[in-house]
């Protein structure tokens, strides 16, 4: 049996198409059509990834994302958003979603996004490496990050972003470079990087408004200071 994907969408046509495409790609798919059913299926199935529509009955996808993140901060979440839902998309990223696909979308694109997220998780986990900077430690094999001996609740993308920056201390990266190196995208909304960087700083900086580890390089992007 392949890796498990929970697909949450109240449109049965969309759900069926996504289920068939993911099934052909080798994934075991569970469907849920509303917020409470999504949380219940997540707890019962313990999927490897969640595809989550924002507009749901019961309670919306943002609330589902909150509840999933409270239970499992490291399970990837890919949001499905309408083109005009930029504010909701950014809020979803702030809540810990790892990726998004805008409706209407190509099922093949969604499959590629699912494969990309799961592949990067497996690749990073397969390389045994411990990155340390004073009281901050990142163990890529165990996918555990600790600050002052306390484990950090990082999403998949936050963990990968931190590990990538710590591998290259002192080097400034453009947002487009981080998007390609961490997300595996050669195109996309660079605000995704900005939102994840803000969330990461809130978890590793003593004062996120005046960061000392991840510096902003004005006109360029970001640089990790060891």
Protein backbone atom coordinates (compact mmCIF):
# COMPACT_ATOMS: atom_id res chain seq x y z
CA UNK A 1 0.00 0.00 0.00
CA UNK A 2 1.31 3.45 -0.92
CA UNK A 3 1.52 6.52 1.23
CA UNK A 4 -1.80 7.77 2.57
CA UNK A 5 -3.39 11.02 1.45
CA UNK A 6 -6.51 12.56 3.00
CA UNK A 7 -8.46 14.65 0.48
CA UNK A 8 -10.95 17.11 1.99
CA UNK A 9 -13.40 18.77 -0.42
CA UNK A 10 -17.19 19.09 -0.37
CA UNK A 11 -17.43 18.91 -4.17
CA UNK A 12 -17.83 15.19 -4.99
CA UNK A 13 -16.69 15.71 -8.59
CA UNK A 14 -13.43 17.33 -7.50
CA UNK A 15 -12.87 14.71 -4.80
CA UNK A 16 -13.45 11.84 -7.22
CA UNK A 17 -11.08 13.25 -9.85
CA UNK A 18 -8.36 13.89 -7.27
CA UNK A 19 -8.86 10.43 -5.77
CA UNK A 20 -8.48 8.77 -9.17
CA UNK A 21 -5.37 10.71 -10.14
CA UNK A 22 -3.68 10.15 -6.78
CA UNK A 23 -4.69 6.49 -6.87
CA UNK A 24 -3.06 6.07 -10.27
CA UNK A 25 0.10 7.62 -8.82
CA UNK A 26 0.16 4.92 -6.15
CA UNK A 27 -1.35 6.70 -3.16
CA UNK A 28 -4.00 5.33 -0.81
CA UNK A 29 -6.71 8.01 -0.66
CA UNK A 30 -9.33 8.76 1.99
CA UNK A 31 -12.07 11.33 1.29
CA UNK A 32 -13.84 13.73 3.65
CA UNK A 33 -16.50 16.27 2.71
CA UNK A 34 -16.74 18.60 5.74
CA UNK A 35 -14.70 19.93 8.64
CA UNK A 36 -15.69 17.48 11.39
CA UNK A 37 -15.34 14.50 9.03
CA UNK A 38 -11.89 15.74 8.00
CA UNK A 39 -10.61 15.92 11.59
CA UNK A 40 -12.13 12.51 12.36
CA UNK A 41 -10.56 10.95 9.27
CA UNK A 42 -7.21 12.52 10.10
CA UNK A 43 -7.23 10.99 13.57
CA UNK A 44 -8.39 7.60 12.30
CA UNK A 45 -6.18 7.29 9.20
CA UNK A 46 -3.05 9.20 10.29
CA UNK A 47 -2.30 10.18 6.67
CA UNK A 48 1.11 11.13 5.32
CA UNK A 49 -0.34 14.26 3.66
CA UNK A 50 -3.59 16.24 3.57
CA UNK A 51 -5.13 17.98 0.54
CA UNK A 52 -7.49 20.54 2.08
CA UNK A 53 -10.09 22.79 0.49
CA UNK A 54 -10.63 26.06 2.36
CA UNK A 55 -14.38 26.29 1.76
CA UNK A 56 -16.06 23.52 3.74
CA UNK A 57 -19.33 22.96 5.61
CA UNK A 58 -19.27 22.28 9.34
CA UNK A 59 -16.23 24.42 9.86
CA UNK A 60 -13.88 25.74 7.23
CA UNK A 61 -10.52 24.54 6.03
CA UNK A 62 -8.65 27.08 8.16
CA UNK A 63 -10.15 25.59 11.31
CA UNK A 64 -9.37 22.08 10.04
CA UNK A 65 -5.77 23.20 9.47
CA UNK A 66 -5.59 24.59 13.02
CA UNK A 67 -6.81 21.30 14.49
CA UNK A 68 -4.49 19.20 12.33
CA UNK A 69 -1.51 21.36 13.29
CA UNK A 70 -2.39 21.03 16.99
CA UNK A 71 -2.29 17.25 16.62
CA UNK A 72 0.55 16.79 14.13
CA UNK A 73 2.72 19.80 13.25
CA UNK A 74 4.86 17.80 10.81
CA UNK A 75 2.19 16.29 8.50
CA UNK A 76 2.21 18.23 5.19
CA UNK A 77 -0.93 20.14 4.22
CA UNK A 78 -1.64 21.34 0.66
CA UNK A 79 -4.49 23.84 0.46
CA UNK A 80 -6.95 24.18 -2.40
CA UNK A 81 -7.93 27.84 -2.80
CA UNK A 82 -9.99 29.88 -5.24
CA UNK A 83 -8.10 32.49 -7.23
CA UNK A 84 -9.64 35.38 -5.31
CA UNK A 85 -8.88 34.00 -1.83
CA UNK A 86 -5.43 35.53 -1.37
CA UNK A 87 -6.08 36.66 2.20
CA UNK A 88 -7.34 33.20 3.19
CA UNK A 89 -4.38 31.59 1.41
CA UNK A 90 -1.90 33.70 3.37
CA UNK A 91 -3.74 32.95 6.61
CA UNK A 92 -3.60 29.25 5.76
CA UNK A 93 0.16 29.48 5.26
CA UNK A 94 0.45 31.32 8.56
CA UNK A 95 -1.44 28.46 10.23
CA UNK A 96 1.12 26.02 8.86
CA UNK A 97 -0.03 24.84 5.43
CA UNK A 98 2.98 23.76 3.37
CA UNK A 99 1.76 24.44 -0.14
CA UNK A 100 -1.29 25.57 -2.09
CA UNK A 101 -2.92 24.99 -5.46
CA UNK A 102 -5.40 27.52 -6.87
CA UNK A 103 -8.73 26.43 -8.33
CA UNK A 104 -9.39 25.67 -11.10
CA UNK A 105 -6.35 23.40 -11.13
CA UNK A 106 -4.89 20.58 -13.16
CA UNK A 107 -5.13 17.23 -11.32
CA UNK A 108 -1.70 16.41 -12.74
CA UNK A 109 -0.27 19.57 -11.15
CA UNK A 110 -1.75 18.58 -7.80
CA UNK A 111 -0.21 15.10 -8.07
CA UNK A 112 3.16 16.70 -8.82
CA UNK A 113 2.83 18.98 -5.80
CA UNK A 114 1.96 15.99 -3.58
CA UNK A 115 4.93 14.05 -4.93
CA UNK A 116 7.23 17.04 -4.44
CA UNK A 117 6.28 17.58 -0.80
CA UNK A 118 6.52 13.90 0.13
CA UNK A 119 9.75 13.41 -1.85
CA UNK A 120 11.49 16.31 -0.15
CA UNK A 121 10.40 15.03 3.26
CA UNK A 122 11.80 11.57 2.49
CA UNK A 123 15.01 12.94 0.95
CA UNK A 124 15.86 15.18 3.88
CA UNK A 125 15.03 12.43 6.34
CA UNK A 126 17.30 9.97 4.48
CA UNK A 127 20.41 12.12 4.95
CA UNK A 128 21.76 11.72 8.49
CA UNK A 129 22.91 15.16 9.58
CA UNK A 130 22.93 17.18 12.77
CA UNK A 131 23.17 20.96 12.38
CA UNK A 132 24.02 22.93 15.49
CA UNK A 133 24.28 26.63 16.26
CA UNK A 134 24.71 27.44 19.95
CA UNK A 135 21.45 26.34 21.62
CA UNK A 136 19.67 25.52 18.33
CA UNK A 137 20.01 21.98 16.93
CA UNK A 138 18.46 20.38 13.84
CA UNK A 139 18.59 16.60 13.39
CA UNK A 140 17.59 15.95 9.78
CA UNK A 141 17.45 12.16 10.09
CA UNK A 142 14.99 12.31 12.99
CA UNK A 143 13.43 15.56 11.68
CA UNK A 144 13.66 17.07 15.13
CA UNK A 145 14.68 20.65 15.89
CA UNK A 146 15.38 21.77 19.45
CA UNK A 147 16.00 25.16 21.01
CA UNK A 148 17.44 25.21 24.53
CA UNK A 149 16.69 21.46 24.72
CA UNK A 150 12.98 22.04 23.98
CA UNK A 151 11.60 20.46 20.80
CA UNK A 152 10.21 22.95 18.29
CA UNK A 153 6.83 22.36 16.63
CA UNK A 154 7.87 22.98 13.01
CA UNK A 155 5.91 22.17 9.88
CA UNK A 156 7.59 20.26 7.05
CA UNK A 157 8.42 23.45 5.14
CA UNK A 158 9.58 25.32 8.24
CA UNK A 159 11.91 22.46 9.14
CA UNK A 160 13.30 22.21 5.60
CA UNK A 161 13.73 25.98 5.40
CA UNK A 162 15.63 26.12 8.69
CA UNK A 163 17.85 23.17 7.75
CA UNK A 164 18.65 24.69 4.36
CA UNK A 165 19.59 28.07 5.84
CA UNK A 166 21.73 26.49 8.57
CA UNK A 167 23.63 24.52 5.91
CA UNK A 168 24.61 27.82 4.27
CA UNK A 169 25.42 30.29 7.07
CA UNK A 170 26.40 33.77 5.98
CA UNK A 171 25.01 33.43 2.45
CA UNK A 172 22.15 35.64 1.30
CA UNK A 173 19.37 33.94 -0.66
CA UNK A 174 16.69 35.56 -2.77
CA UNK A 175 13.12 34.46 -2.15
CA UNK A 176 13.05 32.90 -5.62
CA UNK A 177 16.12 30.82 -4.72
CA UNK A 178 14.53 29.62 -1.49
CA UNK A 179 11.33 28.81 -3.36
CA UNK A 180 13.31 26.59 -5.73
CA UNK A 181 15.67 25.02 -3.21
CA UNK A 182 13.20 24.37 -0.37
CA UNK A 183 9.84 24.09 -2.13
CA UNK A 184 11.12 22.66 -5.41
CA UNK A 185 9.24 25.32 -7.39
CA UNK A 186 10.80 27.14 -10.33
CA UNK A 187 7.84 29.53 -10.26
CA UNK A 188 5.22 30.52 -7.71
CA UNK A 189 4.09 33.14 -5.23
CA UNK A 190 7.14 34.37 -3.31
CA UNK A 191 4.91 35.56 -0.46
CA UNK A 192 4.87 31.88 0.52
CA UNK A 193 8.52 32.26 1.54
CA UNK A 194 7.79 35.48 3.43
CA UNK A 195 4.98 33.89 5.45
CA UNK A 196 7.02 30.80 6.33
CA UNK A 197 10.00 32.95 7.30
CA UNK A 198 7.80 34.96 9.66
CA UNK A 199 6.47 31.79 11.28
CA UNK A 200 9.96 30.32 11.60
CA UNK A 201 11.31 33.47 13.23
CA UNK A 202 8.48 33.37 15.77
CA UNK A 203 9.72 29.94 16.83
CA UNK A 204 13.51 30.40 16.89
CA UNK A 205 14.14 34.09 17.59
CA UNK A 206 14.12 35.68 21.05
CA UNK A 207 12.61 38.80 19.47
CA UNK A 208 11.06 38.02 16.07
CA UNK A 209 10.73 41.75 15.33
CA UNK A 210 14.52 42.09 15.67
CA UNK A 211 15.88 38.72 14.49
CA UNK A 212 19.50 37.80 15.11
CA UNK A 213 19.61 34.34 13.49
CA UNK A 214 17.73 34.92 10.22
CA UNK A 215 18.54 38.38 8.94
CA UNK A 216 16.70 40.26 6.23
CA UNK A 217 19.05 41.42 3.49
CA UNK A 218 17.21 44.40 2.03
CA UNK A 219 16.74 44.20 -1.71
CA UNK A 220 17.91 40.58 -1.74
CA UNK A 221 16.23 38.18 0.71
CA UNK A 222 17.47 36.40 3.83
CA UNK A 223 20.74 35.28 5.41
CA UNK A 224 21.34 32.92 8.34
CA UNK A 225 23.85 34.23 10.90
CA UNK A 226 25.54 31.52 12.95
